[in-house]
Amino acid sequence: MKQTIDMGFAERRKAASDAKTRLLEKVAHALKPDTPEALARRAEKVAAAEARDKRRAERDRLKQEAAERERNEAMTRAEAISAAAALAKETEAKRLVVDEAQSKAERDRRYAARKARKR
């Protein structure tokens, strides 16, 4: 089990004061906004942001081109499938016409043979 350290009021107050002092020192040592180092750092951040925006724009453009290409390929595939279906339907219709003509010819041949036998 974790043991807690029992500090008195004076110790807690001194610890808080020390923490506050360290924080103020940290802020005092921070870069001032108009120093050359701060200006250079700000310029680097702006340049990095611009480069990031350019990369994002390029990535978005490439994604859009890929989506456009995919859409065109899908349309081409759909047209090819439609053309193949139309060709299959046309071929099936021709086959049905040929089958029907053959069955009529066979029927006429049988009819003619039956008439020939009766004479």
PDB file of N, CA and C in Angstrom:
ATOM      1  N   MET A   1       0.839  -1.171   0.000  1.00  0.00           N
ATOM      2  CA  MET A   1       0.000   0.000   0.000  1.00  0.00           C
ATOM      3  C   MET A   1       0.881   1.229   0.000  1.00  0.00           C
ATOM      4  N   LYS A   2       0.433   2.253  -0.704  1.00  0.00           N
ATOM      5  CA  LYS A   2       1.213   3.462  -0.853  1.00  0.00           C
ATOM      6  C   LYS A   2       1.199   4.260   0.453  1.00  0.00           C
ATOM      7  N   GLN A   3       2.381   4.694   0.848  1.00  0.00           N
ATOM      8  CA  GLN A   3       2.459   5.491   2.067  1.00  0.00           C
ATOM      9  C   GLN A   3       2.443   6.958   1.696  1.00  0.00           C
ATOM     10  N   THR A   4       1.667   7.698   2.376  1.00  0.00           N
ATOM     11  CA  THR A   4       1.587   9.131   2.119  1.00  0.00           C
ATOM     12  C   THR A   4       2.490   9.864   3.093  1.00  0.00           C
ATOM     13  N   ILE A   5       3.073  10.924   2.597  1.00  0.00           N
ATOM     14  CA  ILE A   5       3.932  11.749   3.440  1.00  0.00           C
ATOM     15  C   ILE A   5       3.065  12.859   4.007  1.00  0.00           C
ATOM     16  N   ASP A   6       3.038  12.969   5.300  1.00  0.00           N
ATOM     17  CA  ASP A   6       2.203  13.972   5.941  1.00  0.00           C
ATOM     18  C   ASP A   6       3.026  15.237   6.111  1.00  0.00           C
ATOM     19  N   MET A   7       2.693  16.234   5.275  1.00  0.00           N
ATOM     20  CA  MET A   7       3.413  17.505   5.358  1.00  0.00           C
ATOM     21  C   MET A   7       2.547  18.507   6.106  1.00  0.00           C
ATOM     22  N   GLY A   8       3.190  19.353   6.810  1.00  0.00           N
ATOM     23  CA  GLY A   8       2.465  20.381   7.532  1.00  0.00           C
ATOM     24  C   GLY A   8       2.129  21.541   6.616  1.00  0.00           C
ATOM     25  N   PHE A   9       1.394  22.488   7.156  1.00  0.00           N
ATOM     26  CA  PHE A   9       0.949  23.639   6.371  1.00  0.00           C
ATOM     27  C   PHE A   9       2.124  24.442   5.859  1.00  0.00           C
ATOM     28  N   ALA A  10       3.118  24.679   6.656  1.00  0.00           N
ATOM     29  CA  ALA A  10       4.277  25.486   6.268  1.00  0.00           C
ATOM     30  C   ALA A  10       5.039  24.818   5.138  1.00  0.00           C
ATOM     31  N   GLU A  11       5.182  23.508   5.191  1.00  0.00           N
ATOM     32  CA  GLU A  11       5.896  22.784   4.135  1.00  0.00           C
ATOM     33  C   GLU A  11       5.128  22.840   2.816  1.00  0.00           C
ATOM     34  N   ARG A  12       3.818  22.677   2.887  1.00  0.00           N
ATOM     35  CA  ARG A  12       3.001  22.766   1.661  1.00  0.00           C
ATOM     36  C   ARG A  12       3.082  24.152   1.068  1.00  0.00           C
ATOM     37  N   ARG A  13       3.060  25.169   1.929  1.00  0.00           N
ATOM     38  CA  ARG A  13       3.123  26.555   1.462  1.00  0.00           C
ATOM     39  C   ARG A  13       4.465  26.837   0.806  1.00  0.00           C
ATOM     40  N   LYS A  14       5.556  26.326   1.393  1.00  0.00           N
ATOM     41  CA  LYS A  14       6.894  26.527   0.827  1.00  0.00           C
ATOM     42  C   LYS A  14       7.000  25.791  -0.509  1.00  0.00           C
ATOM     43  N   ALA A  15       6.451  24.575  -0.633  1.00  0.00           N
ATOM     44  CA  ALA A  15       6.496  23.810  -1.888  1.00  0.00           C
ATOM     45  C   ALA A  15       5.728  24.550  -2.978  1.00  0.00           C
ATOM     46  N   ALA A  16       4.580  25.109  -2.643  1.00  0.00           N
ATOM     47  CA  ALA A  16       3.799  25.864  -3.620  1.00  0.00           C
ATOM     48  C   ALA A  16       4.556  27.112  -4.055  1.00  0.00           C
ATOM     49  N   SER A  17       5.180  27.778  -3.112  1.00  0.00           N
ATOM     50  CA  SER A  17       5.944  28.981  -3.435  1.00  0.00           C
ATOM     51  C   SER A  17       7.118  28.641  -4.342  1.00  0.00           C
ATOM     52  N   ASP A  18       7.820  27.538  -4.055  1.00  0.00           N
ATOM     53  CA  ASP A  18       8.943  27.112  -4.901  1.00  0.00           C
ATOM     54  C   ASP A  18       8.467  26.773  -6.314  1.00  0.00           C
ATOM     55  N   ALA A  19       7.357  26.089  -6.424  1.00  0.00           N
ATOM     56  CA  ALA A  19       6.815  25.728  -7.740  1.00  0.00           C
ATOM     57  C   ALA A  19       6.460  26.983  -8.526  1.00  0.00           C
ATOM     58  N   LYS A  20       5.881  27.959  -7.836  1.00  0.00           N
ATOM     59  CA  LYS A  20       5.509  29.205  -8.497  1.00  0.00           C
ATOM     60  C   LYS A  20       6.759  29.944  -8.954  1.00  0.00           C
ATOM     61  N   THR A  21       7.797  29.946  -8.136  1.00  0.00           N
ATOM     62  CA  THR A  21       9.050  30.614  -8.495  1.00  0.00           C
ATOM     63  C   THR A  21       9.688  29.945  -9.712  1.00  0.00           C
ATOM     64  N   ARG A  22       9.717  28.613  -9.720  1.00  0.00           N
ATOM     65  CA  ARG A  22      10.274  27.900 -10.871  1.00  0.00           C
ATOM     66  C   ARG A  22       9.490  28.209 -12.139  1.00  0.00           C
ATOM     67  N   LEU A  23       8.170  28.286 -12.041  1.00  0.00           N
ATOM     68  CA  LEU A  23       7.340  28.602 -13.201  1.00  0.00           C
ATOM     69  C   LEU A  23       7.623  30.002 -13.712  1.00  0.00           C
ATOM     70  N   LEU A  24       7.767  30.974 -12.804  1.00  0.00           N
ATOM     71  CA  LEU A  24       8.076  32.343 -13.212  1.00  0.00           C
ATOM     72  C   LEU A  24       9.454  32.434 -13.861  1.00  0.00           C
ATOM     73  N   GLU A  25      10.431  31.688 -13.357  1.00  0.00           N
ATOM     74  CA  GLU A  25      11.770  31.671 -13.964  1.00  0.00           C
ATOM     75  C   GLU A  25      11.706  31.085 -15.376  1.00  0.00           C
ATOM     76  N   LYS A  26      10.922  30.041 -15.524  1.00  0.00           N
ATOM     77  CA  LYS A  26      10.770  29.401 -16.840  1.00  0.00           C
ATOM     78  C   LYS A  26      10.187  30.384 -17.841  1.00  0.00           C
ATOM     79  N   VAL A  27       9.171  31.134 -17.417  1.00  0.00           N
ATOM     80  CA  VAL A  27       8.551  32.119 -18.300  1.00  0.00           C
ATOM     81  C   VAL A  27       9.525  33.248 -18.596  1.00  0.00           C
ATOM     82  N   ALA A  28      10.317  33.659 -17.609  1.00  0.00           N
ATOM     83  CA  ALA A  28      11.269  34.749 -17.803  1.00  0.00           C
ATOM     84  C   ALA A  28      12.347  34.357 -18.802  1.00  0.00           C
ATOM     85  N   HIS A  29      12.740  33.086 -18.817  1.00  0.00           N
ATOM     86  CA  HIS A  29      13.779  32.630 -19.734  1.00  0.00           C
ATOM     87  C   HIS A  29      13.232  32.305 -21.124  1.00  0.00           C
ATOM     88  N   ALA A  30      11.940  32.308 -21.281  1.00  0.00           N
ATOM     89  CA  ALA A  30      11.349  32.002 -22.593  1.00  0.00           C
ATOM     90  C   ALA A  30      11.718  33.097 -23.595  1.00  0.00           C
ATOM     91  N   LEU A  31      11.617  32.772 -24.880  1.00  0.00           N
ATOM     92  CA  LEU A  31      11.966  33.738 -25.925  1.00  0.00           C
ATOM     93  C   LEU A  31      10.992  34.906 -25.935  1.00  0.00           C
ATOM     94  N   LYS A  32      11.519  36.063 -26.091  1.00  0.00           N
ATOM     95  CA  LYS A  32      10.682  37.246 -26.239  1.00  0.00           C
ATOM     96  C   LYS A  32      10.155  37.269 -27.675  1.00  0.00           C
ATOM     97  N   PRO A  33       8.958  37.816 -27.916  1.00  0.00           N
ATOM     98  CA  PRO A  33       8.356  37.739 -29.250  1.00  0.00           C
ATOM     99  C   PRO A  33       9.107  38.490 -30.343  1.00  0.00           C
ATOM    100  N   ASP A  34       9.902  39.503 -30.018  1.00  0.00           N
ATOM    101  CA  ASP A  34      10.559  40.267 -31.081  1.00  0.00           C
ATOM    102  C   ASP A  34      12.066  40.034 -31.151  1.00  0.00           C
ATOM    103  N   THR A  35      12.553  38.974 -30.556  1.00  0.00           N
ATOM    104  CA  THR A  35      13.973  38.656 -30.688  1.00  0.00           C
ATOM    105  C   THR A  35      14.200  37.950 -32.019  1.00  0.00           C
ATOM    106  N   PRO A  36      15.421  38.019 -32.539  1.00  0.00           N
ATOM    107  CA  PRO A  36      15.695  37.348 -33.820  1.00  0.00           C
ATOM    108  C   PRO A  36      15.430  35.838 -33.772  1.00  0.00           C
ATOM    109  N   GLU A  37      15.708  35.206 -32.625  1.00  0.00           N
ATOM    110  CA  GLU A  37      15.462  33.772 -32.514  1.00  0.00           C
ATOM    111  C   GLU A  37      13.965  33.469 -32.625  1.00  0.00           C
ATOM    112  N   ALA A  38      13.166  34.289 -31.954  1.00  0.00           N
ATOM    113  CA  ALA A  38      11.717  34.079 -31.993  1.00  0.00           C
ATOM    114  C   ALA A  38      11.180  34.320 -33.397  1.00  0.00           C
ATOM    115  N   LEU A  39      11.696  35.367 -34.060  1.00  0.00           N
ATOM    116  CA  LEU A  39      11.249  35.647 -35.429  1.00  0.00           C
ATOM    117  C   LEU A  39      11.648  34.506 -36.366  1.00  0.00           C
ATOM    118  N   ALA A  40      12.860  33.967 -36.184  1.00  0.00           N
ATOM    119  CA  ALA A  40      13.310  32.853 -37.024  1.00  0.00           C
ATOM    120  C   ALA A  40      12.450  31.620 -36.771  1.00  0.00           C
ATOM    121  N   ARG A  41      12.163  31.351 -35.495  1.00  0.00           N
ATOM    122  CA  ARG A  41      11.327  30.199 -35.173  1.00  0.00           C
ATOM    123  C   ARG A  41       9.930  30.358 -35.764  1.00  0.00           C
ATOM    124  N   ARG A  42       9.376  31.574 -35.687  1.00  0.00           N
ATOM    125  CA  ARG A  42       8.052  31.837 -36.258  1.00  0.00           C
ATOM    126  C   ARG A  42       8.076  31.650 -37.771  1.00  0.00           C
ATOM    127  N   ALA A  43       9.150  32.128 -38.423  1.00  0.00           N
ATOM    128  CA  ALA A  43       9.280  31.962 -39.874  1.00  0.00           C
ATOM    129  C   ALA A  43       9.369  30.478 -40.236  1.00  0.00           C
ATOM    130  N   GLU A  44      10.090  29.694 -39.428  1.00  0.00           N
ATOM    131  CA  GLU A  44      10.175  28.260 -39.675  1.00  0.00           C
ATOM    132  C   GLU A  44       8.807  27.600 -39.554  1.00  0.00           C
ATOM    133  N   LYS A  45       8.045  28.020 -38.560  1.00  0.00           N
ATOM    134  CA  LYS A  45       6.711  27.450 -38.377  1.00  0.00           C
ATOM    135  C   LYS A  45       5.806  27.795 -39.553  1.00  0.00           C
ATOM    136  N   VAL A  46       5.899  29.043 -40.035  1.00  0.00           N
ATOM    137  CA  VAL A  46       5.078  29.457 -41.180  1.00  0.00           C
ATOM    138  C   VAL A  46       5.486  28.662 -42.421  1.00  0.00           C
ATOM    139  N   ALA A  47       6.797  28.502 -42.622  1.00  0.00           N
ATOM    140  CA  ALA A  47       7.271  27.740 -43.787  1.00  0.00           C
ATOM    141  C   ALA A  47       6.823  26.286 -43.688  1.00  0.00           C
ATOM    142  N   ALA A  48       6.901  25.709 -42.500  1.00  0.00           N
ATOM    143  CA  ALA A  48       6.460  24.318 -42.320  1.00  0.00           C
ATOM    144  C   ALA A  48       4.961  24.197 -42.579  1.00  0.00           C
ATOM    145  N   ALA A  49       4.188  25.178 -42.125  1.00  0.00           N
ATOM    146  CA  ALA A  49       2.735  25.142 -42.346  1.00  0.00           C
ATOM    147  C   ALA A  49       2.422  25.252 -43.835  1.00  0.00           C
ATOM    148  N   GLU A  50       3.147  26.133 -44.539  1.00  0.00           N
ATOM    149  CA  GLU A  50       2.919  26.269 -45.984  1.00  0.00           C
ATOM    150  C   GLU A  50       3.283  24.980 -46.713  1.00  0.00           C
ATOM    151  N   ALA A  51       4.399  24.370 -46.329  1.00  0.00           N
ATOM    152  CA  ALA A  51       4.799  23.108 -46.960  1.00  0.00           C
ATOM    153  C   ALA A  51       3.765  22.026 -46.673  1.00  0.00           C
ATOM    154  N   ARG A  52       3.255  21.998 -45.447  1.00  0.00           N
ATOM    155  CA  ARG A  52       2.240  21.005 -45.076  1.00  0.00           C
ATOM    156  C   ARG A  52       0.970  21.226 -45.905  1.00  0.00           C
ATOM    157  N   ASP A  53       0.593  22.493 -46.081  1.00  0.00           N
ATOM    158  CA  ASP A  53      -0.596  22.793 -46.886  1.00  0.00           C
ATOM    159  C   ASP A  53      -0.393  22.396 -48.344  1.00  0.00           C
ATOM    160  N   LYS A  54       0.819  22.622 -48.868  1.00  0.00           N
ATOM    161  CA  LYS A  54       1.098  22.221 -50.249  1.00  0.00           C
ATOM    162  C   LYS A  54       1.008  20.709 -50.401  1.00  0.00           C
ATOM    163  N   ARG A  55       1.593  19.980 -49.425  1.00  0.00           N
ATOM    164  CA  ARG A  55       1.537  18.515 -49.490  1.00  0.00           C
ATOM    165  C   ARG A  55       0.095  18.027 -49.396  1.00  0.00           C
ATOM    166  N   ARG A  56      -0.688  18.660 -48.533  1.00  0.00           N
ATOM    167  CA  ARG A  56      -2.088  18.268 -48.394  1.00  0.00           C
ATOM    168  C   ARG A  56      -2.851  18.543 -49.687  1.00  0.00           C
ATOM    169  N   ALA A  57      -2.586  19.707 -50.299  1.00  0.00           N
ATOM    170  CA  ALA A  57      -3.266  20.042 -51.559  1.00  0.00           C
ATOM    171  C   ALA A  57      -2.882  19.041 -52.657  1.00  0.00           C
ATOM    172  N   GLU A  58      -1.595  18.694 -52.716  1.00  0.00           N
ATOM    173  CA  GLU A  58      -1.142  17.721 -53.714  1.00  0.00           C
ATOM    174  C   GLU A  58      -1.783  16.355 -53.470  1.00  0.00           C
ATOM    175  N   ARG A  59      -1.842  15.948 -52.198  1.00  0.00           N
ATOM    176  CA  ARG A  59      -2.457  14.662 -51.850  1.00  0.00           C
ATOM    177  C   ARG A  59      -3.942  14.664 -52.220  1.00  0.00           C
ATOM    178  N   ASP A  60      -4.626  15.775 -51.929  1.00  0.00           N
ATOM    179  CA  ASP A  60      -6.046  15.870 -52.282  1.00  0.00           C
ATOM    180  C   ASP A  60      -6.241  15.830 -53.794  1.00  0.00           C
ATOM    181  N   ARG A  61      -5.346  16.512 -54.525  1.00  0.00           N
ATOM    182  CA  ARG A  61      -5.441  16.509 -55.990  1.00  0.00           C
ATOM    183  C   ARG A  61      -5.245  15.094 -56.529  1.00  0.00           C
ATOM    184  N   LEU A  62      -4.256  14.383 -55.985  1.00  0.00           N
ATOM    185  CA  LEU A  62      -4.012  13.012 -56.436  1.00  0.00           C
ATOM    186  C   LEU A  62      -5.186  12.102 -56.107  1.00  0.00           C
ATOM    187  N   LYS A  63      -5.775  12.291 -54.926  1.00  0.00           N
ATOM    188  CA  LYS A  63      -6.952  11.491 -54.568  1.00  0.00           C
ATOM    189  C   LYS A  63      -8.103  11.778 -55.515  1.00  0.00           C
ATOM    190  N   GLN A  64      -8.293  13.058 -55.847  1.00  0.00           N
ATOM    191  CA  GLN A  64      -9.377  13.423 -56.753  1.00  0.00           C
ATOM    192  C   GLN A  64      -9.149  12.832 -58.146  1.00  0.00           C
ATOM    193  N   GLU A  65      -7.889  12.886 -58.627  1.00  0.00           N
ATOM    194  CA  GLU A  65      -7.580  12.289 -59.928  1.00  0.00           C
ATOM    195  C   GLU A  65      -7.811  10.780 -59.907  1.00  0.00           C
ATOM    196  N   ALA A  66      -7.422  10.130 -58.821  1.00  0.00           N
ATOM    197  CA  ALA A  66      -7.623   8.689 -58.712  1.00  0.00           C
ATOM    198  C   ALA A  66      -9.111   8.356 -58.699  1.00  0.00           C
ATOM    199  N   ALA A  67      -9.896   9.162 -57.983  1.00  0.00           N
ATOM    200  CA  ALA A  67     -11.343   8.937 -57.945  1.00  0.00           C
ATOM    201  C   ALA A  67     -11.950   9.142 -59.332  1.00  0.00           C
ATOM    202  N   GLU A  68     -11.496  10.168 -60.041  1.00  0.00           N
ATOM    203  CA  GLU A  68     -11.984  10.436 -61.402  1.00  0.00           C
ATOM    204  C   GLU A  68     -11.633   9.271 -62.330  1.00  0.00           C
ATOM    205  N   ARG A  69     -10.384   8.804 -62.213  1.00  0.00           N
ATOM    206  CA  ARG A  69      -9.943   7.682 -63.048  1.00  0.00           C
ATOM    207  C   ARG A  69     -10.763   6.426 -62.732  1.00  0.00           C
ATOM    208  N   GLU A  70     -10.994   6.175 -61.450  1.00  0.00           N
ATOM    209  CA  GLU A  70     -11.796   5.010 -61.047  1.00  0.00           C
ATOM    210  C   GLU A  70     -13.222   5.122 -61.578  1.00  0.00           C
ATOM    211  N   ARG A  71     -13.781   6.332 -61.512  1.00  0.00           N
ATOM    212  CA  ARG A  71     -15.130   6.549 -62.015  1.00  0.00           C
ATOM    213  C   ARG A  71     -15.188   6.297 -63.518  1.00  0.00           C
ATOM    214  N   ASN A  72     -14.172   6.794 -64.252  1.00  0.00           N
ATOM    215  CA  ASN A  72     -14.131   6.569 -65.704  1.00  0.00           C
ATOM    216  C   ASN A  72     -13.985   5.084 -66.026  1.00  0.00           C
ATOM    217  N   GLU A  73     -13.124   4.383 -65.258  1.00  0.00           N
ATOM    218  CA  GLU A  73     -12.958   2.950 -65.493  1.00  0.00           C
ATOM    219  C   GLU A  73     -14.251   2.194 -65.203  1.00  0.00           C
ATOM    220  N   ALA A  74     -14.950   2.602 -64.159  1.00  0.00           N
ATOM    221  CA  ALA A  74     -16.222   1.952 -63.824  1.00  0.00           C
ATOM    222  C   ALA A  74     -17.244   2.175 -64.940  1.00  0.00           C
ATOM    223  N   MET A  75     -17.272   3.399 -65.469  1.00  0.00           N
ATOM    224  CA  MET A  75     -18.206   3.680 -66.564  1.00  0.00           C
ATOM    225  C   MET A  75     -17.835   2.854 -67.801  1.00  0.00           C
ATOM    226  N   THR A  76     -16.531   2.744 -68.080  1.00  0.00           N
ATOM    227  CA  THR A  76     -16.083   1.954 -69.228  1.00  0.00           C
ATOM    228  C   THR A  76     -16.455   0.485 -69.041  1.00  0.00           C
ATOM    229  N   ARG A  77     -16.243  -0.033 -67.814  1.00  0.00           N
ATOM    230  CA  ARG A  77     -16.625  -1.425 -67.544  1.00  0.00           C
ATOM    231  C   ARG A  77     -18.129  -1.609 -67.701  1.00  0.00           C
ATOM    232  N   ALA A  78     -18.909  -0.652 -67.215  1.00  0.00           N
ATOM    233  CA  ALA A  78     -20.365  -0.757 -67.325  1.00  0.00           C
ATOM    234  C   ALA A  78     -20.793  -0.742 -68.793  1.00  0.00           C
ATOM    235  N   GLU A  79     -20.158   0.129 -69.580  1.00  0.00           N
ATOM    236  CA  GLU A  79     -20.482   0.179 -71.013  1.00  0.00           C
ATOM    237  C   GLU A  79     -20.098  -1.135 -71.695  1.00  0.00           C
ATOM    238  N   ALA A  80     -18.949  -1.704 -71.324  1.00  0.00           N
ATOM    239  CA  ALA A  80     -18.516  -2.963 -71.923  1.00  0.00           C
ATOM    240  C   ALA A  80     -19.476  -4.089 -71.551  1.00  0.00           C
ATOM    241  N   ILE A  81     -19.895  -4.106 -70.292  1.00  0.00           N
ATOM    242  CA  ILE A  81     -20.853  -5.131 -69.856  1.00  0.00           C
ATOM    243  C   ILE A  81     -22.179  -4.959 -70.584  1.00  0.00           C
ATOM    244  N   SER A  82     -22.605  -3.712 -70.746  1.00  0.00           N
ATOM    245  CA  SER A  82     -23.850  -3.441 -71.450  1.00  0.00           C
ATOM    246  C   SER A  82     -23.751  -3.884 -72.916  1.00  0.00           C
ATOM    247  N   ALA A  83     -22.616  -3.581 -73.537  1.00  0.00           N
ATOM    248  CA  ALA A  83     -22.424  -3.980 -74.933  1.00  0.00           C
ATOM    249  C   ALA A  83     -22.393  -5.505 -75.055  1.00  0.00           C
ATOM    250  N   ALA A  84     -21.718  -6.158 -74.115  1.00  0.00           N
ATOM    251  CA  ALA A  84     -21.656  -7.621 -74.144  1.00  0.00           C
ATOM    252  C   ALA A  84     -23.044  -8.226 -73.948  1.00  0.00           C
ATOM    253  N   ALA A  85     -23.831  -7.634 -73.055  1.00  0.00           N
ATOM    254  CA  ALA A  85     -25.193  -8.132 -72.826  1.00  0.00           C
ATOM    255  C   ALA A  85     -26.051  -7.934 -74.077  1.00  0.00           C
ATOM    256  N   ALA A  86     -25.890  -6.775 -74.724  1.00  0.00           N
ATOM    257  CA  ALA A  86     -26.655  -6.523 -75.948  1.00  0.00           C
ATOM    258  C   ALA A  86     -26.242  -7.508 -77.041  1.00  0.00           C
ATOM    259  N   LEU A  87     -24.946  -7.770 -77.156  1.00  0.00           N
ATOM    260  CA  LEU A  87     -24.464  -8.721 -78.156  1.00  0.00           C
ATOM    261  C   LEU A  87     -24.980 -10.121 -77.850  1.00  0.00           C
ATOM    262  N   ALA A  88     -24.972 -10.503 -76.586  1.00  0.00           N
ATOM    263  CA  ALA A  88     -25.479 -11.821 -76.206  1.00  0.00           C
ATOM    264  C   ALA A  88     -26.970 -11.930 -76.508  1.00  0.00           C
ATOM    265  N   LYS A  89     -27.701 -10.858 -76.230  1.00  0.00           N
ATOM    266  CA  LYS A  89     -29.137 -10.864 -76.509  1.00  0.00           C
ATOM    267  C   LYS A  89     -29.383 -10.970 -78.013  1.00  0.00           C
ATOM    268  N   GLU A  90     -28.590 -10.232 -78.791  1.00  0.00           N
ATOM    269  CA  GLU A  90     -28.734 -10.276 -80.248  1.00  0.00           C
ATOM    270  C   GLU A  90     -28.372 -11.669 -80.772  1.00  0.00           C
ATOM    271  N   THR A  91     -27.293 -12.246 -80.252  1.00  0.00           N
ATOM    272  CA  THR A  91     -26.878 -13.583 -80.665  1.00  0.00           C
ATOM    273  C   THR A  91     -27.946 -14.607 -80.302  1.00  0.00           C
ATOM    274  N   GLU A  92     -28.507 -14.467 -79.120  1.00  0.00           N
ATOM    275  CA  GLU A  92     -29.577 -15.376 -78.687  1.00  0.00           C
ATOM    276  C   GLU A  92     -30.798 -15.235 -79.600  1.00  0.00           C
ATOM    277  N   ALA A  93     -31.134 -13.999 -79.977  1.00  0.00           N
ATOM    278  CA  ALA A  93     -32.272 -13.782 -80.864  1.00  0.00           C
ATOM    279  C   ALA A  93     -32.017 -14.431 -82.226  1.00  0.00           C
ATOM    280  N   LYS A  94     -30.795 -14.268 -82.742  1.00  0.00           N
ATOM    281  CA  LYS A  94     -30.458 -14.884 -84.029  1.00  0.00           C
ATOM    282  C   LYS A  94     -30.525 -16.412 -83.923  1.00  0.00           C
ATOM    283  N   ARG A  95     -30.008 -16.942 -82.813  1.00  0.00           N
ATOM    284  CA  ARG A  95     -30.044 -18.380 -82.620  1.00  0.00           C
ATOM    285  C   ARG A  95     -31.480 -18.883 -82.562  1.00  0.00           C
ATOM    286  N   LEU A  96     -32.367 -18.140 -81.894  1.00  0.00           N
ATOM    287  CA  LEU A  96     -33.772 -18.526 -81.833  1.00  0.00           C
ATOM    288  C   LEU A  96     -34.415 -18.502 -83.210  1.00  0.00           C
ATOM    289  N   VAL A  97     -34.066 -17.487 -84.005  1.00  0.00           N
ATOM    290  CA  VAL A  97     -34.622 -17.405 -85.365  1.00  0.00           C
ATOM    291  C   VAL A  97     -34.139 -18.596 -86.183  1.00  0.00           C
ATOM    292  N   VAL A  98     -32.848 -18.924 -86.078  1.00  0.00           N
ATOM    293  CA  VAL A  98     -32.299 -20.059 -86.835  1.00  0.00           C
ATOM    294  C   VAL A  98     -32.952 -21.356 -86.358  1.00  0.00           C
ATOM    295  N   ASP A  99     -33.087 -21.543 -85.033  1.00  0.00           N
ATOM    296  CA  ASP A  99     -33.723 -22.755 -84.499  1.00  0.00           C
ATOM    297  C   ASP A  99     -35.165 -22.860 -84.979  1.00  0.00           C
ATOM    298  N   GLU A 100     -35.856 -21.742 -84.964  1.00  0.00           N
ATOM    299  CA  GLU A 100     -37.255 -21.743 -85.408  1.00  0.00           C
ATOM    300  C   GLU A 100     -37.338 -22.087 -86.894  1.00  0.00           C
ATOM    301  N   ALA A 101     -36.425 -21.524 -87.697  1.00  0.00           N
ATOM    302  CA  ALA A 101     -36.419 -21.832 -89.133  1.00  0.00           C
ATOM    303  C   ALA A 101     -36.114 -23.315 -89.352  1.00  0.00           C
ATOM    304  N   GLN A 102     -35.183 -23.872 -88.576  1.00  0.00           N
ATOM    305  CA  GLN A 102     -34.858 -25.288 -88.713  1.00  0.00           C
ATOM    306  C   GLN A 102     -36.043 -26.166 -88.310  1.00  0.00           C
ATOM    307  N   SER A 103     -36.717 -25.801 -87.234  1.00  0.00           N
ATOM    308  CA  SER A 103     -37.865 -26.607 -86.807  1.00  0.00           C
ATOM    309  C   SER A 103     -38.991 -26.512 -87.840  1.00  0.00           C
ATOM    310  N   LYS A 104     -39.191 -25.331 -88.451  1.00  0.00           N
ATOM    311  CA  LYS A 104     -40.200 -25.207 -89.508  1.00  0.00           C
ATOM    312  C   LYS A 104     -39.820 -26.061 -90.714  1.00  0.00           C
ATOM    313  N   ALA A 105     -38.536 -26.047 -91.082  1.00  0.00           N
ATOM    314  CA  ALA A 105     -38.087 -26.844 -92.222  1.00  0.00           C
ATOM    315  C   ALA A 105     -38.279 -28.329 -91.924  1.00  0.00           C
ATOM    316  N   GLU A 106     -37.961 -28.741 -90.696  1.00  0.00           N
ATOM    317  CA  GLU A 106     -38.158 -30.142 -90.313  1.00  0.00           C
ATOM    318  C   GLU A 106     -39.642 -30.502 -90.352  1.00  0.00           C
ATOM    319  N   ARG A 107     -40.497 -29.615 -89.867  1.00  0.00           N
ATOM    320  CA  ARG A 107     -41.939 -29.858 -89.878  1.00  0.00           C
ATOM    321  C   ARG A 107     -42.442 -29.957 -91.315  1.00  0.00           C
ATOM    322  N   ASP A 108     -41.977 -29.038 -92.180  1.00  0.00           N
ATOM    323  CA  ASP A 108     -42.390 -29.077 -93.582  1.00  0.00           C
ATOM    324  C   ASP A 108     -41.909 -30.363 -94.262  1.00  0.00           C
ATOM    325  N   ARG A 109     -40.702 -30.816 -93.944  1.00  0.00           N
ATOM    326  CA  ARG A 109     -40.179 -32.057 -94.522  1.00  0.00           C
ATOM    327  C   ARG A 109     -41.035 -33.248 -94.098  1.00  0.00           C
ATOM    328  N   ARG A 110     -41.395 -33.288 -92.792  1.00  0.00           N
ATOM    329  CA  ARG A 110     -42.236 -34.390 -92.314  1.00  0.00           C
ATOM    330  C   ARG A 110     -43.621 -34.338 -92.992  1.00  0.00           C
ATOM    331  N   TYR A 111     -44.154 -33.110 -93.127  1.00  0.00           N
ATOM    332  CA  TYR A 111     -45.452 -32.957 -93.782  1.00  0.00           C
ATOM    333  C   TYR A 111     -45.389 -33.452 -95.224  1.00  0.00           C
ATOM    334  N   ALA A 112     -44.335 -33.045 -95.910  1.00  0.00           N
ATOM    335  CA  ALA A 112     -44.165 -33.466 -97.308  1.00  0.00           C
ATOM    336  C   ALA A 112     -43.992 -34.983 -97.387  1.00  0.00           C
ATOM    337  N   ALA A 113     -43.282 -35.595 -96.452  1.00  0.00           N
ATOM    338  CA  ALA A 113     -43.082 -37.052 -96.453  1.00  0.00           C
ATOM    339  C   ALA A 113     -44.411 -37.754 -96.181  1.00  0.00           C
ATOM    340  N   ARG A 114     -45.218 -37.224 -95.290  1.00  0.00           N
ATOM    341  CA  ARG A 114     -46.504 -37.836 -94.994  1.00  0.00           C
ATOM    342  C   ARG A 114     -47.418 -37.735 -96.211  1.00  0.00           C
ATOM    343  N   LYS A 115     -47.424 -36.602 -96.891  1.00  0.00           N
ATOM    344  CA  LYS A 115     -48.250 -36.451 -98.081  1.00  0.00           C
ATOM    345  C   LYS A 115     -47.784 -37.399 -99.198  1.00  0.00           C
ATOM    346  N   ALA A 116     -46.455 -37.574 -99.287  1.00  0.00           N
ATOM    347  CA  ALA A 116     -45.910 -38.451-100.310  1.00  0.00           C
ATOM    348  C   ALA A 116     -46.299 -39.901-100.041  1.00  0.00           C
ATOM    349  N   ARG A 117     -46.377 -40.307 -98.780  1.00  0.00           N
ATOM    350  CA  ARG A 117     -46.758 -41.667 -98.439  1.00  0.00           C
ATOM    351  C   ARG A 117     -48.236 -41.907 -98.739  1.00  0.00           C
ATOM    352  N   LYS A 118     -49.076 -40.893 -98.535  1.00  0.00           N
ATOM    353  CA  LYS A 118     -50.505 -41.046 -98.777  1.00  0.00           C
ATOM    354  C   LYS A 118     -50.789 -41.141-100.269  1.00  0.00           C
ATOM    355  N   ARG A 119     -50.040 -40.627-101.156  1.00  0.00           N
ATOM    356  CA  ARG A 119     -50.309 -40.668-102.591  1.00  0.00           C
ATOM    357  C   ARG A 119     -49.970 -41.938-103.186  1.00  0.00           C
TER     358      ARG A 119
END
